[in-house]
Protein backbone atom coordinates (compact mmCIF):
# COMPACT_ATOMS: atom_id res chain seq x y z
CA MET A 1 18.80 -10.67 19.00
CA SER A 2 15.57 -11.81 17.50
CA GLU A 3 13.85 -9.72 14.81
CA GLU A 4 10.67 -8.06 15.68
CA PRO A 5 7.81 -9.03 13.23
CA ASP A 6 6.89 -6.28 10.85
CA PRO A 7 3.86 -4.44 12.26
CA GLU A 8 0.67 -4.11 10.42
CA PRO A 9 0.89 -0.73 8.54
CA ALA A 10 -0.96 1.98 10.21
CA VAL A 11 -1.73 3.66 6.87
CA ASN A 12 -3.06 1.73 3.81
CA ILE A 13 0.12 1.70 1.68
CA SER A 14 -1.83 0.55 -1.44
CA GLY A 15 -3.60 3.83 -2.34
CA GLY A 16 -6.12 4.51 0.66
CA PRO A 17 -9.76 4.13 0.66
CA ASP A 18 -10.15 6.10 -2.55
CA GLY A 19 -7.46 4.15 -4.38
CA GLY A 20 -9.60 1.80 -6.25
CA GLY A 21 -9.83 -2.01 -6.00
CA ALA A 22 -12.89 -3.88 -5.02
CA ALA A 23 -14.33 -4.82 -1.60
CA ALA A 24 -14.24 -8.42 -0.75
CA GLU A 25 -16.09 -10.72 1.71
CA PHE A 26 -14.01 -13.27 3.52
CA ASP A 27 -15.73 -16.53 4.53
CA PRO A 28 -13.48 -19.66 4.53
CA ALA A 29 -16.47 -21.83 4.96
CA ALA A 30 -18.00 -20.69 1.63
CA ALA A 31 -14.69 -20.75 -0.39
CA ASP A 32 -14.89 -22.67 -3.57
CA THR A 33 -11.20 -23.64 -3.58
CA ARG A 34 -8.50 -24.26 -0.89
CA ALA A 35 -6.51 -21.19 -2.31
CA GLU A 36 -9.63 -19.00 -1.73
CA ALA A 37 -10.10 -20.59 1.82
CA VAL A 38 -6.57 -19.55 2.74
CA VAL A 39 -7.10 -16.01 1.42
CA ASP A 40 -10.44 -15.81 3.38
CA ARG A 41 -8.68 -16.99 6.49
CA LEU A 42 -6.09 -14.26 5.97
CA GLY A 43 -9.01 -11.80 5.63
CA GLU A 44 -10.06 -12.71 9.12
CA LEU A 45 -6.54 -12.05 10.46
CA TYR A 46 -5.49 -8.99 8.54
CA TRP A 47 -6.58 -5.51 7.33
CA THR A 48 -8.62 -5.06 4.13
CA LYS A 49 -6.72 -3.10 1.49
CA THR A 50 -7.77 -1.22 -1.60
CA TYR A 51 -5.53 -0.94 -4.51
CA GLY A 52 -4.50 1.53 -7.21
CA GLY A 53 -3.78 5.16 -7.10
CA ARG A 54 -0.07 5.12 -6.82
CA ASP A 55 2.09 6.67 -9.48
CA GLY A 56 3.09 3.87 -11.93
CA PHE A 57 6.64 4.95 -12.39
CA GLU A 58 7.24 5.43 -8.76
CA CYS A 59 5.78 2.04 -8.09
CA LEU A 60 8.10 0.61 -10.68
CA VAL A 61 11.09 2.30 -9.07
CA ARG A 62 9.91 1.13 -5.54
CA THR A 63 9.70 -2.47 -6.69
CA ILE A 64 13.13 -2.57 -8.31
CA LEU A 65 14.51 -1.28 -5.01
CA SER A 66 12.86 -4.09 -3.21
CA GLN A 67 14.27 -6.81 -5.29
CA ASN A 68 16.36 -9.30 -3.16
CA THR A 69 16.02 -7.24 -0.07
CA SER A 70 13.51 -6.51 2.73
CA ASP A 71 11.18 -3.49 3.15
CA VAL A 72 13.20 -2.44 6.12
CA ALA A 73 16.23 -2.01 3.78
CA SER A 74 14.44 -0.81 0.63
CA GLN A 75 12.12 1.75 2.19
CA PRO A 76 14.96 4.25 3.26
CA ALA A 77 16.50 3.88 -0.23
CA HIS A 78 13.17 4.76 -1.81
CA ASP A 79 12.73 7.75 0.61
CA ALA A 80 16.33 9.00 -0.21
CA LEU A 81 15.79 8.57 -3.91
CA ILE A 82 12.59 10.59 -3.90
CA GLU A 83 14.10 13.29 -1.66
CA ARG A 84 17.09 13.73 -4.16
CA TYR A 85 15.25 13.25 -7.55
CA GLY A 86 11.65 13.73 -7.01
CA GLY A 87 11.14 17.47 -6.43
CA ALA A 88 7.72 19.07 -6.76
CA ASP A 89 8.50 20.35 -10.27
CA ALA A 90 10.68 17.35 -11.33
CA ASP A 91 9.60 14.50 -13.54
CA LEU A 92 11.08 11.37 -11.76
CA ALA A 93 11.69 9.64 -15.00
CA ASP A 94 13.63 12.57 -16.54
CA ALA A 95 15.64 12.96 -13.30
CA LEU A 96 16.63 9.39 -13.13
CA ALA A 97 17.49 9.13 -16.78
CA ASP A 98 19.98 12.02 -16.26
CA ALA A 99 21.38 10.79 -12.97
CA GLU A 100 24.91 10.17 -12.34
CA ARG A 101 25.21 6.46 -11.68
CA SER A 102 27.68 6.75 -8.76
CA VAL A 103 25.46 9.38 -7.03
CA LEU A 104 22.24 7.23 -7.51
CA ALA A 105 24.10 4.17 -6.24
CA GLU A 106 25.16 6.05 -3.07
CA THR A 107 21.70 7.30 -2.69
CA ILE A 108 20.00 3.83 -2.66
CA SER A 109 22.81 2.05 -0.92
CA SER A 110 20.54 0.80 1.93
CA ALA A 111 18.70 -1.36 -0.56
CA GLY A 112 21.62 -3.63 -1.31
CA LEU A 113 22.99 -4.48 -4.82
CA TYR A 114 22.94 -0.76 -5.35
CA ASN A 115 25.26 -0.78 -8.31
CA ARG A 116 23.20 -3.14 -10.23
CA LYS A 117 19.90 -1.42 -9.19
CA SER A 118 21.25 2.05 -10.03
CA LYS A 119 22.16 0.77 -13.56
CA THR A 120 18.67 -0.79 -13.91
CA LEU A 121 16.87 2.33 -12.60
CA ILE A 122 18.63 4.53 -15.04
CA GLU A 123 17.99 2.18 -18.04
CA VAL A 124 14.30 1.81 -17.10
CA ALA A 125 14.07 5.69 -16.76
CA GLU A 126 15.66 6.16 -20.14
CA TRP A 127 13.13 3.65 -21.63
CA VAL A 128 10.17 5.42 -20.08
CA VAL A 129 11.40 8.80 -21.37
CA ALA A 130 12.02 7.34 -24.88
CA GLU A 131 8.77 5.42 -24.99
CA PHE A 132 6.36 7.65 -23.18
CA GLY A 133 8.00 11.00 -22.96
CA SER A 134 7.49 11.31 -19.13
CA ALA A 135 6.75 9.56 -15.94
CA ALA A 136 3.26 11.02 -16.02
CA ALA A 137 2.52 9.53 -19.48
CA PHE A 138 3.81 6.17 -18.24
CA ASP A 139 1.49 6.55 -15.18
CA ALA A 140 -1.48 6.90 -17.39
CA PHE A 141 -0.54 3.82 -19.39
CA ALA A 142 -0.10 1.72 -16.27
CA ARG A 143 -3.48 3.00 -14.97
CA ASP A 144 -5.52 2.87 -18.07
CA GLY A 145 -3.90 0.56 -20.49
CA ASP A 146 -5.03 -2.87 -21.28
CA PRO A 147 -3.58 -5.10 -18.50
CA GLU A 148 -2.17 -7.76 -20.89
CA GLU A 149 -0.42 -4.92 -22.86
CA VAL A 150 0.95 -3.31 -19.86
CA ARG A 151 2.29 -6.58 -18.53
CA GLU A 152 3.79 -7.53 -21.82
CA THR A 153 5.42 -4.14 -22.33
CA LEU A 154 7.00 -4.11 -18.92
CA LEU A 155 8.31 -7.68 -19.21
CA SER A 156 10.06 -6.55 -22.45
CA VAL A 157 12.27 -4.19 -20.36
CA ARG A 158 15.55 -5.61 -18.88
CA GLY A 159 15.33 -5.65 -15.15
CA VAL A 160 11.68 -5.85 -15.08
CA GLY A 161 10.32 -9.46 -14.11
CA PRO A 162 6.85 -10.79 -13.56
CA LYS A 163 6.52 -9.68 -9.88
CA THR A 164 7.55 -6.08 -10.70
CA ALA A 165 5.07 -5.93 -13.67
CA ASP A 166 2.32 -7.35 -11.59
CA CYS A 167 3.02 -4.90 -8.63
CA VAL A 168 2.61 -1.97 -11.22
CA LEU A 169 -0.62 -3.37 -12.40
CA LEU A 170 -1.86 -3.88 -8.76
CA PHE A 171 -0.64 -0.93 -6.87
CA ALA A 172 -0.73 1.58 -9.70
CA GLY A 173 -3.65 0.30 -11.77
CA GLY A 174 -5.83 -1.24 -9.08
CA ARG A 175 -6.31 -4.16 -11.51
CA ALA A 176 -8.37 -6.99 -10.04
CA GLY A 177 -7.26 -10.54 -10.58
CA VAL A 178 -3.48 -9.82 -10.29
CA PHE A 179 -1.64 -11.80 -7.55
CA PRO A 180 2.03 -10.84 -7.59
CA VAL A 181 4.29 -13.65 -6.49
CA ASP A 182 7.25 -12.76 -4.27
CA THR A 183 9.47 -15.06 -2.28
CA HIS A 184 6.89 -15.22 0.60
CA VAL A 185 3.94 -16.12 -1.80
CA HIS A 186 6.05 -18.70 -3.74
CA ARG A 187 7.20 -20.42 -0.54
CA ILE A 188 3.80 -20.50 1.34
CA TYR A 189 1.51 -21.77 -1.34
CA ARG A 190 3.81 -24.54 -2.20
CA ARG A 191 4.47 -25.39 1.43
CA MET A 192 0.62 -25.50 1.90
CA GLY A 193 0.19 -27.79 -0.98
CA VAL A 194 -2.00 -25.35 -2.88
CA ALA A 195 0.51 -25.07 -5.64
CA PRO A 196 2.86 -27.92 -6.98
CA ALA A 197 5.97 -28.13 -4.94
CA ASP A 198 8.12 -27.62 -7.94
CA ALA A 199 6.18 -24.78 -9.38
CA ASP A 200 8.25 -21.67 -10.26
CA HIS A 201 6.98 -18.11 -9.58
CA GLU A 202 4.86 -18.05 -12.73
CA GLY A 203 3.33 -21.51 -12.02
CA VAL A 204 2.24 -20.45 -8.53
CA ARG A 205 0.80 -17.16 -9.97
CA GLU A 206 -1.25 -19.13 -12.52
CA VAL A 207 -2.76 -21.37 -9.79
CA LEU A 208 -3.64 -18.37 -7.57
CA GLU A 209 -5.10 -16.32 -10.30
CA ALA A 210 -7.18 -19.28 -11.43
CA ASP A 211 -8.41 -20.30 -7.95
CA VAL A 212 -8.73 -16.93 -6.11
CA PRO A 213 -11.60 -14.65 -7.07
CA ALA A 214 -10.32 -11.45 -8.84
CA ALA A 215 -11.42 -9.17 -6.08
CA LYS A 216 -9.34 -11.08 -3.50
CA CYS A 217 -6.15 -11.46 -5.36
CA GLY A 218 -4.56 -8.12 -4.45
CA PHE A 219 -5.45 -8.54 -0.74
CA GLY A 220 -4.20 -12.20 -0.95
CA HIS A 221 -0.73 -10.94 -2.10
CA THR A 222 -0.28 -8.32 0.68
CA ALA A 223 -1.77 -10.54 3.47
CA THR A 224 0.30 -13.46 2.44
CA ILE A 225 3.46 -11.46 2.79
CA GLN A 226 2.37 -10.32 6.29
CA PHE A 227 1.61 -14.03 7.19
CA GLY A 228 5.00 -15.11 5.84
CA ARG A 229 6.71 -12.56 8.08
CA GLU A 230 4.75 -13.43 11.22
CA TYR A 231 3.95 -17.12 11.08
CA CYS A 232 5.26 -19.06 7.97
CA THR A 233 8.82 -17.85 7.90
CA ALA A 234 11.47 -19.41 5.59
CA ARG A 235 13.62 -21.10 8.32
CA LYS A 236 11.31 -21.49 11.35
CA PRO A 237 7.69 -21.51 10.67
CA ALA A 238 5.35 -21.29 13.76
CA CYS A 239 4.16 -24.88 13.45
CA LEU A 240 7.61 -26.26 14.24
CA ASP A 241 7.09 -25.39 17.93
CA ASP A 242 3.35 -25.66 18.25
CA PRO A 243 0.94 -27.07 15.76
CA GLU A 244 -1.72 -24.79 17.15
CA ALA A 245 0.40 -21.67 16.73
CA CYS A 246 -0.40 -21.27 13.00
CA PRO A 247 -3.96 -19.88 12.16
CA LEU A 248 -3.81 -21.73 8.85
CA ALA A 249 -2.65 -25.07 10.22
CA ASP A 250 -5.82 -27.00 9.11
CA LEU A 251 -5.36 -25.75 5.51
CA CYS A 252 -1.70 -26.60 5.21
CA GLU A 253 0.01 -29.86 4.10
CA GLN A 254 3.39 -28.86 5.54
CA VAL A 255 5.28 -29.74 2.42
CA GLY A 256 8.98 -29.73 3.29
CA VAL A 257 8.23 -28.89 7.06
CA TYR A 258 9.02 -31.73 9.54
CA PRO A 259 7.98 -30.77 13.14
CA GLU A 260 9.14 -34.14 14.44
CA THR A 261 12.86 -33.33 13.43
CA GLY A 262 12.71 -29.57 13.16
CA GLU A 263 13.94 -29.82 9.58
CA VAL A 264 12.65 -27.28 7.00
CA VAL A 265 13.49 -27.66 3.31
CA ASP A 266 12.26 -26.02 0.07
CA PRO A 267 9.05 -27.74 -0.83
CA ALA A 268 10.68 -28.75 -4.22
CA ALA A 269 13.31 -30.74 -2.22
CA ALA A 270 10.69 -32.60 -0.08
CA PRO A 271 10.41 -36.37 -0.65
CA GLU A 272 6.67 -35.84 -1.39
CA ALA A 273 7.59 -33.87 -4.45
CA ASP A 274 9.59 -36.72 -6.03
């Protein structure tokens, strides 16, 4: 049975119209770089989102749960965690720092890798309590702190990588110019030839944050994920069956995609990358 494409969210999950961020105009013809032209084309396809307004610690928890799994699997885990540990009068960091690991692991089991993730969540919660005193104090740091300091601080914590840190900056802080790189973003911009075929996640991020205007970076992240789910999938991008099926075909170099044979490889393994 084939998977249904993830639908466009009916609700702005990035903070709502009052959540911060900056409005952006999308005009591929006026783009200064190919990366901007790609994001502008996505702006013609998808919803315009604003960013910020989410609780920083909950965003951190949500992103950890999403590591190496899909939203379909991680969302129920997040909902179950909040139901068990996020009561109206509870501080989520305190609650997770004191959680029994086996109980937490069972609570988030739908997210996969639940033993490792439960350990990470408890350690991160203990760090937040020790360094900030509460989830609320961490939320204020993520929202109002210097972006570079916030990023460096988060990256110093075991279990928190660049994508997780950048998602906190974007979704909690509403910071312009932040383009988190997940597996979709990493694959697509190398496949298109926008970033070097052998670039790691940080290399792709550096290219995108340099070539995409700050006001469009957050939208570029979320819209690229949607595009990756609907069109430019890892194993069978739309262009394999029909060159006209992809709305970004004229901007793509198809690095590692071979419609004539139906073969798809990681861009780093493509002969063009040698």
